[in-house]
Amino acid sequence: MGGVRGRRGPPPLVLALLVLLGGGPIGQTHCGCPGGCDCDPESALCRGGAGLPRGLPPRLATLSLVRRHIEVLGEGSFRDTPALQLLLITAGHLGTIGDGAFSGLVLLEYLFIEDNDVGSIAPTALRGLRGLLYLSLANNRLETLPKGLFQGLETLTQLDLRGNPFQCNCRLRWVVSWLGSVTIPTEPGRCHGPPQHQGTPLEQLQPRDFQCLSSELRPFQSLPFSSLAAEPFAMGGHPGLALAQPFNGACALLEWDQLAGRFRAPTIINGTAPVACHPLPLGGSLVLVMAQLSGGSSVWRRSGGPGSRFVRLQALGGGRLRRPHAVASARLGGHWYLGVADSSKGGTSTLFRWGGRGFYPHQALRPWHRDTHLEFLELGGSPALVLCSGTRRPLVYRWSGGAFAPHTDIPHVPDVYAAKHFRLRGHVFLCLTRFLGDAKVMRWEGSMFREVQQVPARGSMVFQPLAVGGQRYVLLGNDYAPSRVYRLGPGGHLEPIQELLAPSPRSFAPISVGHRHFLVVSSFKGATQIYRHVTIDLGA
């Protein structure tokens, strides 16, 4: 390593080691030396005591502080000894190294802070050490290092970080990147946690080993109306979203206002009490199904491009639908089908088929069961349908011969309000909403659905999987507590990450505008809320 430049005799590092090993004096005590210290004009050894010694010879080149209790090294702690070339602090207690702790030590070449229980170090603690050759922070209690700690240490030739309980998480990713960019001899130590990295030497890690991107939903806009359902669509490259407004008696089409940088609802289709406004791109135009509690359900077609008016195409159901509750659609065998769940005591859930000029009855599903929801999906490579009721267990239908035939039910959940599915690694999962019981996640096992997780959900009427900004979530809406956002983890397991305060949500719908991603939350008892999806780099 060589000696300190401009000095004669043994290198200061050798002198310091002699002090530690032999414990003898490094010079003669004289009247300019503080109590508890042994000094000569260029070297000092201070054993025991508290705080930094005062009154040291100003021309000191070497200072050794052994077994001292120091709470904080703050700005300019060594301003009275600007000629230091070696500083050793060891075998004591040093709680915090603050910003600018070594400012003014432009000649310092060797800095050893070892075995001191150091718990934190400020980002600019090493600022101004432009001649530093050797740095040791070994055997302390450092779990992380602040980003940029080594900035400006261009002369550094050796670094020792051993013996610290480093938590190798996103806050330490920058150290791993920095270690990969330098060629100096380094003893970086090992990871103390988290479990997946425990015991791993820092030099064996790569920046890609850290999962540091975190996403969250942030309030963006509040719309001055309540809504019951929200369904996205895209037509001609223009994204939009249809909102059912039963209290206003209308379906509203939400669109992005490029000039204002906000969403607005310029298109309104008037009705009486719509519970679903289901958009479908059909035949090169946008078709919208308005399912209503009263006044009859109907199908509308947009006459032109975005912003053009809608014209009524047909009445839907012809008396078959008494109290429609949910609408879904799917393309089966080259044709579009529309399913409507009817919640009336004497109603019948019905499957309609698109005939080019409207939807016409194709199949009556089970009657008089007060159905609340239906979900199209694919099971084992063939179309299927899950029908939910507040009085019966959910029923699974399989597509056969151009119609749906009952296949099995879903056991142990007799009061499912709605079912929403997602696919993950070749498996099909169902999210089941139960207003009085726990929500459940089920997985298709080849012939039936089996439970894989349950989630506390008293007061919930929506349990919905979706993707926003390339991230997959499941959202649980709650009427009596904050709604919760779950990240979809490996194997379909849900991990809670965030709460939303939207009142009485009834549906969640993603919508993207360019590279910006949003979530619309329809609220039954308050203003409809829009959240923006943002990604945060925790290692930045």
Protein backbone atom coordinates (compact mmCIF):
# COMPACT_ATOMS: atom_id res chain seq x y z
CA MET A 1 0.00 0.00 0.00
CA GLY A 2 2.98 2.30 0.59
CA GLY A 3 3.53 5.11 3.04
CA VAL A 4 1.83 8.43 3.36
CA ARG A 5 3.23 10.87 0.86
CA GLY A 6 5.65 13.51 2.22
CA ARG A 7 6.47 11.67 5.48
CA ARG A 8 9.58 9.86 6.70
CA GLY A 9 9.66 6.71 8.81
CA PRO A 10 7.08 3.91 9.08
CA PRO A 11 3.77 4.34 7.23
CA PRO A 12 0.96 5.68 9.46
CA LEU A 13 -1.00 2.44 9.01
CA VAL A 14 1.90 0.51 10.53
CA LEU A 15 2.04 2.97 13.43
CA ALA A 16 -1.68 2.52 14.04
CA LEU A 17 -1.38 -1.25 14.04
CA LEU A 18 1.49 -1.04 16.50
CA VAL A 19 -0.72 1.00 18.78
CA LEU A 20 -3.51 -1.55 18.65
CA LEU A 21 -1.29 -4.57 19.10
CA GLY A 22 1.10 -3.24 21.70
CA GLY A 23 -0.95 -0.58 23.43
CA GLY A 24 2.20 1.44 24.06
CA PRO A 25 2.66 5.18 23.68
CA ILE A 26 3.35 6.68 20.32
CA GLY A 27 5.23 9.62 21.80
CA GLN A 28 5.72 11.62 24.94
CA THR A 29 2.88 13.35 26.77
CA HIS A 30 3.28 17.12 26.83
CA CYS A 31 1.32 20.08 27.96
CA GLY A 32 -0.48 20.49 24.59
CA CYS A 33 -2.06 17.01 24.78
CA PRO A 34 -5.60 16.44 26.16
CA GLY A 35 -6.12 14.15 29.13
CA GLY A 36 -6.31 10.48 28.22
CA CYS A 37 -4.13 11.00 25.15
CA ASP A 38 -0.47 10.43 24.35
CA CYS A 39 0.90 12.86 21.82
CA ASP A 40 3.89 14.06 19.93
CA PRO A 41 3.76 16.93 17.43
CA GLU A 42 2.57 14.67 14.58
CA SER A 43 0.80 11.68 16.24
CA ALA A 44 -1.77 11.17 18.98
CA LEU A 45 -3.36 8.15 20.68
CA CYS A 46 -6.46 8.72 22.81
CA ARG A 47 -7.90 5.83 24.85
CA GLY A 48 -11.34 5.78 26.47
CA GLY A 49 -13.46 8.80 27.30
CA ALA A 50 -16.42 10.39 25.58
CA GLY A 51 -16.66 12.69 22.59
CA LEU A 52 -13.82 14.00 20.50
CA PRO A 53 -10.69 15.18 22.34
CA ARG A 54 -10.06 18.92 22.16
CA GLY A 55 -6.77 20.77 22.22
CA LEU A 56 -4.81 18.33 20.06
CA PRO A 57 -1.65 19.57 18.34
CA PRO A 58 -2.84 21.26 15.11
CA ARG A 59 -0.10 19.67 12.99
CA LEU A 60 -1.18 16.10 13.73
CA ALA A 61 -0.74 13.71 10.82
CA THR A 62 -1.97 10.57 12.66
CA LEU A 63 -4.83 10.34 15.16
CA SER A 64 -6.00 7.10 16.82
CA LEU A 65 -9.19 7.08 18.93
CA VAL A 66 -9.58 3.79 20.81
CA ARG A 67 -12.54 2.71 22.97
CA ARG A 68 -14.15 6.16 22.91
CA HIS A 69 -17.88 6.83 23.16
CA ILE A 70 -18.95 9.26 20.45
CA GLU A 71 -22.63 9.75 19.66
CA VAL A 72 -22.30 11.81 16.47
CA LEU A 73 -19.58 12.96 14.14
CA GLY A 74 -21.02 16.17 12.70
CA GLU A 75 -20.02 18.85 10.22
CA GLY A 76 -16.36 19.81 10.59
CA SER A 77 -15.63 17.53 13.58
CA PHE A 78 -11.92 17.61 12.71
CA ARG A 79 -11.54 21.25 11.70
CA ASP A 80 -8.86 21.72 14.39
CA THR A 81 -6.62 19.01 12.90
CA PRO A 82 -6.61 19.82 9.14
CA ALA A 83 -3.25 18.12 8.50
CA LEU A 84 -4.46 14.59 9.32
CA GLN A 85 -3.28 11.93 6.91
CA LEU A 86 -4.45 8.91 8.92
CA LEU A 87 -7.51 8.68 11.19
CA LEU A 88 -8.32 5.54 13.16
CA ILE A 89 -11.51 5.22 15.26
CA THR A 90 -11.89 1.73 16.69
CA ALA A 91 -13.16 -0.55 19.47
CA GLY A 92 -15.58 2.05 20.84
CA HIS A 93 -19.06 3.38 20.14
CA LEU A 94 -19.90 5.73 17.31
CA GLY A 95 -23.62 6.08 16.66
CA THR A 96 -23.91 8.27 13.59
CA ILE A 97 -21.58 9.73 11.01
CA GLY A 98 -23.24 12.94 9.81
CA ASP A 99 -22.96 15.08 6.69
CA GLY A 100 -19.54 16.66 6.21
CA ALA A 101 -18.08 14.85 9.23
CA PHE A 102 -14.59 14.90 7.66
CA SER A 103 -14.79 18.18 5.78
CA GLY A 104 -11.50 20.04 5.63
CA LEU A 105 -9.34 16.90 5.77
CA VAL A 106 -8.03 17.35 2.24
CA LEU A 107 -4.76 15.53 3.11
CA LEU A 108 -6.43 12.43 4.64
CA GLU A 109 -5.30 9.23 2.92
CA TYR A 110 -6.27 6.48 5.41
CA LEU A 111 -9.62 6.36 7.23
CA PHE A 112 -10.45 3.43 9.52
CA ILE A 113 -13.80 3.39 11.35
CA GLU A 114 -13.97 -0.16 12.65
CA ASP A 115 -15.70 -2.08 15.46
CA ASN A 116 -17.68 0.97 16.55
CA ASP A 117 -21.36 -0.04 16.31
CA VAL A 118 -21.93 2.61 13.64
CA GLY A 119 -25.61 2.41 12.73
CA SER A 120 -25.97 5.12 10.09
CA ILE A 121 -23.88 7.24 7.82
CA ALA A 122 -25.03 10.36 5.96
CA PRO A 123 -24.88 10.61 2.14
CA THR A 124 -22.23 13.36 2.18
CA ALA A 125 -20.26 12.14 5.20
CA LEU A 126 -17.15 11.57 3.05
CA ARG A 127 -17.47 14.81 1.13
CA GLY A 128 -14.16 16.56 0.48
CA LEU A 129 -11.84 13.54 0.99
CA ARG A 130 -10.37 13.98 -2.46
CA GLY A 131 -7.07 12.33 -1.56
CA LEU A 132 -8.43 9.25 0.28
CA LEU A 133 -6.63 6.01 -0.57
CA TYR A 134 -7.95 3.48 1.97
CA LEU A 135 -11.39 3.38 3.59
CA SER A 136 -12.61 0.85 6.14
CA LEU A 137 -16.09 0.73 7.68
CA ALA A 138 -15.66 -2.87 8.82
CA ASN A 139 -17.46 -4.54 11.72
CA ASN A 140 -20.16 -2.00 12.42
CA ARG A 141 -23.98 -2.16 12.40
CA LEU A 142 -24.58 -0.73 8.94
CA GLU A 143 -27.59 -2.32 7.25
CA THR A 144 -27.38 -0.07 4.21
CA LEU A 145 -25.28 2.72 2.71
CA PRO A 146 -26.77 5.96 1.34
CA LYS A 147 -26.67 6.40 -2.40
CA GLY A 148 -23.70 8.45 -3.57
CA LEU A 149 -21.63 7.84 -0.43
CA PHE A 150 -18.47 7.16 -2.47
CA GLN A 151 -19.01 10.01 -4.92
CA GLY A 152 -15.87 12.09 -5.35
CA LEU A 153 -13.50 9.43 -3.98
CA GLU A 154 -11.62 9.08 -7.28
CA THR A 155 -8.29 8.35 -5.55
CA LEU A 156 -9.61 5.39 -3.52
CA THR A 157 -7.46 2.28 -3.93
CA GLN A 158 -8.97 -0.06 -1.32
CA LEU A 159 -12.31 -0.46 0.47
CA ASP A 160 -13.31 -2.70 3.40
CA LEU A 161 -17.00 -3.14 4.31
CA ARG A 162 -16.83 -6.53 6.03
CA GLY A 163 -18.73 -7.45 9.16
CA ASN A 164 -21.83 -5.30 8.63
CA PRO A 165 -25.37 -6.76 8.70
CA PHE A 166 -26.23 -5.49 5.23
CA GLN A 167 -29.84 -5.83 4.09
CA CYS A 168 -29.44 -6.52 0.39
CA ASN A 169 -32.62 -4.83 -0.76
CA CYS A 170 -33.33 -1.99 -3.17
CA ARG A 171 -31.61 0.58 -0.97
CA LEU A 172 -28.32 -1.29 -1.46
CA ARG A 173 -28.69 -1.91 -5.19
CA TRP A 174 -26.58 1.13 -5.99
CA VAL A 175 -23.66 -0.35 -4.03
CA VAL A 176 -23.82 -3.51 -6.12
CA SER A 177 -23.85 -1.40 -9.31
CA TRP A 178 -20.93 0.69 -8.03
CA LEU A 179 -18.88 -2.37 -7.10
CA GLY A 180 -19.32 -3.66 -10.65
CA SER A 181 -18.02 -0.40 -12.09
CA VAL A 182 -14.73 -0.12 -10.14
CA THR A 183 -11.55 -2.19 -10.22
CA ILE A 184 -10.11 -1.41 -6.79
CA PRO A 185 -9.52 -4.21 -4.25
CA THR A 186 -12.66 -4.43 -2.13
CA GLU A 187 -13.86 -6.45 0.83
CA PRO A 188 -17.61 -5.75 0.49
CA GLY A 189 -18.91 -8.23 3.03
CA ARG A 190 -22.02 -10.43 2.89
CA CYS A 191 -25.77 -10.01 2.97
CA HIS A 192 -27.46 -10.48 6.32
CA GLY A 193 -30.89 -10.42 4.69
CA PRO A 194 -33.44 -10.75 3.16
CA PRO A 195 -33.66 -14.56 3.21
CA GLN A 196 -33.14 -15.01 -0.53
CA HIS A 197 -29.77 -13.23 -0.33
CA GLN A 198 -28.66 -14.17 3.19
CA GLY A 199 -24.97 -15.10 3.28
CA THR A 200 -24.32 -14.02 -0.31
CA PRO A 201 -21.17 -11.90 -0.84
CA LEU A 202 -22.09 -8.50 -2.24
CA GLU A 203 -19.69 -8.90 -5.14
CA GLN A 204 -21.67 -11.93 -6.35
CA LEU A 205 -24.90 -9.96 -6.74
CA GLN A 206 -26.06 -8.18 -9.88
CA PRO A 207 -28.43 -5.19 -10.13
CA ARG A 208 -30.95 -7.48 -11.83
CA ASP A 209 -31.17 -9.53 -8.61
CA PHE A 210 -33.14 -6.69 -7.01
CA GLN A 211 -36.85 -6.23 -7.72
CA CYS A 212 -37.06 -2.49 -7.09
CA LEU A 213 -39.95 -1.33 -9.25
CA SER A 214 -43.04 -0.68 -7.17
CA SER A 215 -46.39 0.52 -8.45
CA GLU A 216 -49.24 2.33 -6.77
CA LEU A 217 -52.52 4.04 -7.60
CA ARG A 218 -52.66 7.77 -6.89
CA PRO A 219 -55.80 9.96 -6.96
CA PHE A 220 -56.02 11.79 -10.29
CA GLN A 221 -59.58 13.01 -10.89
CA SER A 222 -63.01 12.96 -9.28
CA LEU A 223 -66.09 12.93 -11.52
CA PRO A 224 -69.20 14.71 -10.19
CA PHE A 225 -71.57 11.74 -10.43
CA SER A 226 -72.09 8.28 -9.00
CA SER A 227 -72.03 5.19 -11.19
CA LEU A 228 -72.78 1.50 -10.95
CA ALA A 229 -70.68 -0.12 -13.67
CA ALA A 230 -67.63 0.84 -15.73
CA GLU A 231 -66.53 -1.03 -18.87
CA PRO A 232 -63.61 -0.05 -21.14
CA PHE A 233 -63.51 -0.27 -24.93
CA ALA A 234 -61.25 0.74 -27.82
CA MET A 235 -62.44 1.79 -31.25
CA GLY A 236 -60.22 3.01 -34.06
CA GLY A 237 -57.30 3.41 -31.68
CA HIS A 238 -59.33 5.63 -29.36
CA PRO A 239 -59.81 4.29 -25.82
CA GLY A 240 -63.00 4.98 -23.95
CA LEU A 241 -65.11 3.75 -21.08
CA ALA A 242 -68.87 3.33 -20.62
CA LEU A 243 -70.38 4.23 -17.24
CA ALA A 244 -73.84 3.20 -16.09
CA GLN A 245 -75.55 5.98 -14.10
CA PRO A 246 -78.80 4.59 -12.67
CA PHE A 247 -79.56 7.68 -10.59
CA ASN A 248 -79.04 10.02 -13.57
CA GLY A 249 -80.85 7.63 -15.91
CA ALA A 250 -78.06 7.53 -18.47
CA CYS A 251 -75.08 5.79 -19.98
CA ALA A 252 -72.07 8.11 -20.18
CA LEU A 253 -69.03 7.59 -22.41
CA LEU A 254 -65.83 8.70 -20.72
CA GLU A 255 -63.15 10.05 -23.05
CA TRP A 256 -59.77 11.76 -22.70
CA ASP A 257 -59.64 15.51 -23.26
CA GLN A 258 -56.23 16.08 -24.83
CA LEU A 259 -56.22 19.83 -24.27
CA ALA A 260 -57.33 19.75 -20.64
CA GLY A 261 -55.33 16.64 -19.74
CA ARG A 262 -58.38 15.24 -17.97
CA PHE A 263 -61.27 12.86 -18.59
CA ARG A 264 -64.73 14.09 -19.54
CA ALA A 265 -68.06 12.49 -20.45
CA PRO A 266 -69.34 14.40 -23.50
CA THR A 267 -71.61 11.61 -24.82
CA ILE A 268 -74.76 10.69 -22.93
CA ILE A 269 -77.38 8.08 -23.84
CA ASN A 270 -80.52 8.77 -21.87
CA GLY A 271 -82.52 5.99 -20.29
CA THR A 272 -84.40 5.34 -17.07
CA ALA A 273 -82.37 3.18 -14.67
CA PRO A 274 -79.42 1.52 -16.45
CA VAL A 275 -77.45 -1.02 -14.39
CA ALA A 276 -75.05 -1.96 -17.20
CA CYS A 277 -73.77 -0.12 -20.27
CA HIS A 278 -71.88 -2.76 -22.20
CA PRO A 279 -69.80 -1.52 -25.21
CA LEU A 280 -68.95 -3.81 -28.13
CA PRO A 281 -67.05 -3.01 -31.36
CA LEU A 282 -69.18 -4.80 -33.98
CA GLY A 283 -69.19 -4.47 -37.76
CA GLY A 284 -66.85 -1.49 -37.75
CA SER A 285 -68.98 0.56 -35.36
CA LEU A 286 -69.48 0.83 -31.63
CA VAL A 287 -72.55 -0.93 -30.25
CA LEU A 288 -73.72 -0.33 -26.69
CA VAL A 289 -76.10 -2.56 -24.73
CA MET A 290 -78.13 -0.67 -22.13
CA ALA A 291 -79.58 -3.04 -19.53
CA GLN A 292 -82.22 -1.33 -17.36
CA LEU A 293 -84.22 -2.14 -14.25
CA SER A 294 -87.24 -0.42 -15.77
CA GLY A 295 -88.20 0.98 -19.13
CA GLY A 296 -86.84 -1.96 -21.09
CA SER A 297 -83.31 -2.83 -22.16
CA SER A 298 -82.04 -1.75 -25.56
CA VAL A 299 -79.15 -1.81 -28.03
CA TRP A 300 -77.63 1.37 -29.47
CA ARG A 301 -75.18 2.00 -32.32
CA ARG A 302 -72.87 4.98 -32.74
CA SER A 303 -73.54 6.66 -36.06
CA GLY A 304 -69.93 7.71 -36.71
CA GLY A 305 -66.58 8.20 -35.03
CA PRO A 306 -65.75 9.43 -31.52
CA GLY A 307 -68.13 12.15 -30.38
CA SER A 308 -70.92 11.25 -32.82
CA ARG A 309 -74.39 10.49 -31.50
CA PHE A 310 -75.90 7.08 -30.77
CA VAL A 311 -79.07 5.83 -32.46
CA ARG A 312 -81.38 3.19 -30.98
CA LEU A 313 -80.96 -0.08 -32.85
CA GLN A 314 -83.41 -2.42 -31.10
CA ALA A 315 -85.25 -3.32 -27.92
CA LEU A 316 -83.50 -6.22 -26.21
CA GLY A 317 -85.26 -9.28 -24.87
CA GLY A 318 -88.82 -8.80 -26.04
CA GLY A 319 -90.21 -9.31 -22.53
CA ARG A 320 -87.73 -12.04 -21.55
CA LEU A 321 -85.69 -9.71 -19.32
CA ARG A 322 -87.50 -8.50 -16.21
CA ARG A 323 -84.69 -7.34 -13.97
CA PRO A 324 -81.30 -7.52 -15.74
CA HIS A 325 -78.39 -7.37 -13.34
CA ALA A 326 -75.20 -8.00 -15.35
CA VAL A 327 -74.14 -8.21 -19.01
CA ALA A 328 -71.19 -10.01 -20.59
CA SER A 329 -70.19 -10.96 -24.14
CA ALA A 330 -67.93 -13.44 -25.92
CA ARG A 331 -67.07 -14.59 -29.42
CA LEU A 332 -67.93 -18.28 -29.76
CA GLY A 333 -67.61 -20.32 -32.95
CA GLY A 334 -67.25 -17.22 -35.12
CA HIS A 335 -70.31 -15.47 -33.68
CA TRP A 336 -70.80 -12.84 -30.98
CA TYR A 337 -72.97 -13.81 -28.03
CA LEU A 338 -74.40 -11.64 -25.29
CA GLY A 339 -75.30 -13.04 -21.88
CA VAL A 340 -77.68 -11.24 -19.52
CA ALA A 341 -78.14 -12.33 -15.90
CA ASP A 342 -81.70 -11.70 -14.69
CA SER A 343 -82.21 -11.20 -10.94
CA SER A 344 -86.01 -11.17 -11.00
CA LYS A 345 -87.86 -13.93 -9.12
CA GLY A 346 -89.66 -14.86 -12.32
CA GLY A 347 -86.94 -13.91 -14.76
CA THR A 348 -84.69 -16.04 -16.93
CA SER A 349 -81.03 -15.41 -17.66
CA THR A 350 -80.63 -15.47 -21.45
CA LEU A 351 -77.97 -15.90 -24.10
CA PHE A 352 -78.41 -13.70 -27.22
CA ARG A 353 -76.66 -14.03 -30.58
CA TRP A 354 -75.63 -11.15 -32.81
CA GLY A 355 -77.40 -11.34 -36.18
CA GLY A 356 -75.84 -8.37 -37.94
CA ARG A 357 -78.70 -5.98 -37.16
CA GLY A 358 -79.23 -6.81 -33.51
CA PHE A 359 -79.07 -9.42 -30.75
CA TYR A 360 -81.64 -12.21 -30.83
CA PRO A 361 -82.48 -14.89 -28.22
CA HIS A 362 -80.34 -17.99 -28.64
CA GLN A 363 -80.63 -19.93 -25.37
CA ALA A 364 -82.51 -19.62 -22.10
CA LEU A 365 -80.33 -20.47 -19.12
CA ARG A 366 -81.76 -21.55 -15.77
CA PRO A 367 -84.99 -19.68 -14.84
CA TRP A 368 -86.22 -18.23 -11.54
CA HIS A 369 -82.91 -18.32 -9.67
CA ARG A 370 -82.38 -14.58 -9.25
CA ASP A 371 -79.05 -14.61 -11.04
CA THR A 372 -76.68 -11.74 -10.30
CA HIS A 373 -73.70 -12.26 -12.60
CA LEU A 374 -72.29 -14.34 -15.45
CA GLU A 375 -68.74 -14.73 -16.70
CA PHE A 376 -67.49 -16.14 -20.01
CA LEU A 377 -64.16 -17.98 -19.85
CA GLU A 378 -62.29 -20.93 -21.32
CA LEU A 379 -61.77 -24.24 -19.51
CA GLY A 380 -59.63 -27.01 -20.97
CA GLY A 381 -59.50 -25.30 -24.34
CA SER A 382 -63.27 -24.96 -24.78
CA PRO A 383 -65.71 -22.13 -23.96
CA ALA A 384 -67.42 -22.11 -20.59
CA LEU A 385 -69.76 -19.93 -18.58
CA VAL A 386 -70.11 -19.35 -14.82
CA LEU A 387 -73.53 -18.19 -13.63
CA CYS A 388 -73.91 -16.76 -10.10
CA SER A 389 -76.98 -16.44 -7.90
CA GLY A 390 -77.69 -15.19 -4.42
CA THR A 391 -79.75 -18.32 -3.69
CA ARG A 392 -77.81 -21.16 -5.36
CA ARG A 393 -74.23 -22.28 -5.74
CA PRO A 394 -72.48 -20.95 -8.90
CA LEU A 395 -73.09 -23.16 -11.89
CA VAL A 396 -70.44 -23.96 -14.51
CA TYR A 397 -71.63 -24.51 -18.10
CA ARG A 398 -69.57 -26.00 -20.95
CA TRP A 399 -70.08 -25.16 -24.63
CA SER A 400 -71.37 -28.10 -26.65
CA GLY A 401 -73.14 -28.27 -30.00
CA GLY A 402 -73.67 -24.52 -30.26
CA ALA A 403 -75.15 -24.13 -26.77
CA PHE A 404 -74.16 -24.24 -23.11
CA ALA A 405 -74.88 -27.35 -21.05
CA PRO A 406 -74.60 -27.56 -17.23
CA HIS A 407 -71.32 -29.20 -16.20
CA THR A 408 -70.80 -28.78 -12.43
CA ASP A 409 -71.37 -26.38 -9.59
CA ILE A 410 -68.86 -24.73 -7.25
CA PRO A 411 -69.23 -26.24 -3.76
CA HIS A 412 -69.24 -24.55 -0.35
CA VAL A 413 -70.13 -21.06 -1.67
CA PRO A 414 -73.93 -20.79 -1.89
CA ASP A 415 -74.14 -16.99 -1.86
CA VAL A 416 -71.74 -15.80 -4.57
CA TYR A 417 -72.65 -12.37 -5.89
CA ALA A 418 -70.18 -12.28 -8.81
CA ALA A 419 -67.35 -14.27 -10.38
CA LYS A 420 -64.40 -12.83 -12.31
CA HIS A 421 -61.66 -14.96 -13.83
CA PHE A 422 -57.98 -14.58 -14.71
CA ARG A 423 -55.36 -16.85 -16.24
CA LEU A 424 -51.89 -17.40 -14.80
CA ARG A 425 -49.24 -19.84 -16.04
CA GLY A 426 -51.75 -22.01 -17.83
CA HIS A 427 -54.20 -22.15 -14.91
CA VAL A 428 -57.66 -20.60 -14.69
CA PHE A 429 -58.65 -18.84 -11.46
CA LEU A 430 -61.95 -17.42 -10.28
CA CYS A 431 -62.40 -14.51 -7.86
CA LEU A 432 -65.72 -15.01 -6.07
CA THR A 433 -67.43 -12.08 -4.33
CA ARG A 434 -69.65 -12.78 -1.31
CA PHE A 435 -71.33 -9.89 0.47
CA LEU A 436 -71.65 -11.67 3.84
CA GLY A 437 -68.81 -14.20 3.68
CA ASP A 438 -65.14 -14.16 2.79
CA ALA A 439 -64.20 -13.62 -0.83
CA LYS A 440 -62.51 -16.65 -2.38
CA VAL A 441 -59.96 -17.42 -5.04
CA MET A 442 -60.64 -20.74 -6.80
CA ARG A 443 -58.52 -22.69 -9.30
CA TRP A 444 -59.78 -24.99 -12.04
CA GLU A 445 -58.48 -28.52 -11.43
CA GLY A 446 -59.64 -30.19 -14.63
CA SER A 447 -63.19 -31.04 -13.65
CA MET A 448 -64.07 -28.56 -10.90
CA PHE A 449 -62.94 -25.42 -9.07
CA ARG A 450 -61.08 -25.76 -5.76
CA GLU A 451 -60.33 -23.04 -3.22
CA VAL A 452 -56.75 -21.75 -2.98
CA GLN A 453 -57.22 -18.60 -0.85
CA GLN A 454 -59.87 -16.70 1.03
CA VAL A 455 -59.88 -12.97 1.76
CA PRO A 456 -61.87 -11.18 4.51
CA ALA A 457 -64.52 -9.25 2.61
CA ARG A 458 -67.56 -8.33 4.69
CA GLY A 459 -69.54 -5.74 2.76
CA SER A 460 -67.94 -6.41 -0.61
CA MET A 461 -69.78 -6.56 -3.93
CA VAL A 462 -66.80 -6.56 -6.30
CA PHE A 463 -63.65 -8.71 -6.30
CA GLN A 464 -62.03 -8.03 -9.63
CA PRO A 465 -58.79 -9.10 -11.33
CA LEU A 466 -57.36 -6.73 -13.92
CA ALA A 467 -54.14 -5.41 -15.45
CA VAL A 468 -53.03 -1.78 -15.22
CA GLY A 469 -49.82 -0.54 -16.79
CA GLY A 470 -48.58 -4.08 -17.37
CA GLN A 471 -49.06 -5.02 -13.70
CA ARG A 472 -51.65 -7.57 -12.56
CA TYR A 473 -53.87 -6.88 -9.57
CA VAL A 474 -57.01 -8.03 -7.85
CA LEU A 475 -59.14 -5.28 -6.28
CA LEU A 476 -61.63 -5.81 -3.47
CA GLY A 477 -64.29 -3.13 -3.14
CA ASN A 478 -65.81 -2.61 0.30
CA ASP A 479 -68.84 -0.63 1.47
CA TYR A 480 -67.88 -0.39 5.15
CA ALA A 481 -64.08 -0.25 5.12
CA PRO A 482 -61.32 0.91 2.75
CA SER A 483 -61.13 -1.07 -0.46
CA ARG A 484 -57.96 -3.06 -0.94
CA VAL A 485 -55.53 -3.57 -3.82
CA TYR A 486 -53.78 -6.93 -4.05
CA ARG A 487 -50.79 -7.77 -6.18
CA LEU A 488 -51.15 -11.02 -8.05
CA GLY A 489 -48.24 -13.13 -6.82
CA PRO A 490 -46.84 -16.50 -7.92
CA GLY A 491 -49.36 -19.31 -8.06
CA GLY A 492 -52.28 -16.89 -7.99
CA HIS A 493 -51.69 -15.90 -4.36
CA LEU A 494 -52.82 -12.37 -3.46
CA GLU A 495 -50.52 -9.96 -1.63
CA PRO A 496 -52.11 -6.78 -0.18
CA ILE A 497 -50.26 -3.60 -1.21
CA GLN A 498 -52.60 -0.59 -0.95
CA GLU A 499 -55.94 0.74 0.27
CA LEU A 500 -58.38 2.91 -1.70
CA LEU A 501 -60.90 5.27 -0.13
CA ALA A 502 -63.47 5.35 -2.96
CA PRO A 503 -66.96 5.05 -1.39
CA SER A 504 -69.03 1.92 -2.14
CA PRO A 505 -67.25 0.81 -5.33
CA ARG A 506 -69.18 -1.42 -7.72
CA SER A 507 -66.64 -1.95 -10.49
CA PHE A 508 -63.06 -1.20 -11.47
CA ALA A 509 -61.95 -0.53 -15.04
CA PRO A 510 -58.49 0.20 -16.49
CA ILE A 511 -58.01 2.71 -19.28
CA SER A 512 -54.77 3.80 -20.97
CA VAL A 513 -53.98 7.04 -22.78
CA GLY A 514 -50.64 6.78 -24.56
CA HIS A 515 -48.10 5.81 -21.92
CA ARG A 516 -50.36 6.87 -19.07
CA HIS A 517 -52.46 4.30 -17.27
CA PHE A 518 -55.55 4.91 -15.14
CA LEU A 519 -58.08 3.05 -13.05
CA VAL A 520 -61.70 4.17 -12.96
CA VAL A 521 -63.63 3.26 -9.82
CA SER A 522 -67.41 3.45 -10.14
CA SER A 523 -68.93 4.59 -6.85
CA PHE A 524 -72.51 3.81 -5.89
CA LYS A 525 -72.73 6.37 -3.06
CA GLY A 526 -70.32 9.09 -4.09
CA ALA A 527 -68.24 10.63 -6.86
CA THR A 528 -66.71 8.31 -9.41
CA GLN A 529 -62.96 8.25 -8.83
CA ILE A 530 -60.05 8.01 -11.26
CA TYR A 531 -56.60 6.92 -10.09
CA ARG A 532 -53.37 7.15 -12.03
CA HIS A 533 -51.05 4.14 -12.01
CA VAL A 534 -47.46 5.19 -11.28
CA THR A 535 -44.28 3.15 -11.09
CA ILE A 536 -41.61 3.99 -8.51
CA ASP A 537 -38.01 2.79 -8.56
CA LEU A 538 -37.25 2.06 -4.90
CA GLY A 539 -33.57 1.78 -5.72
CA ALA A 540 -33.32 5.22 -7.30
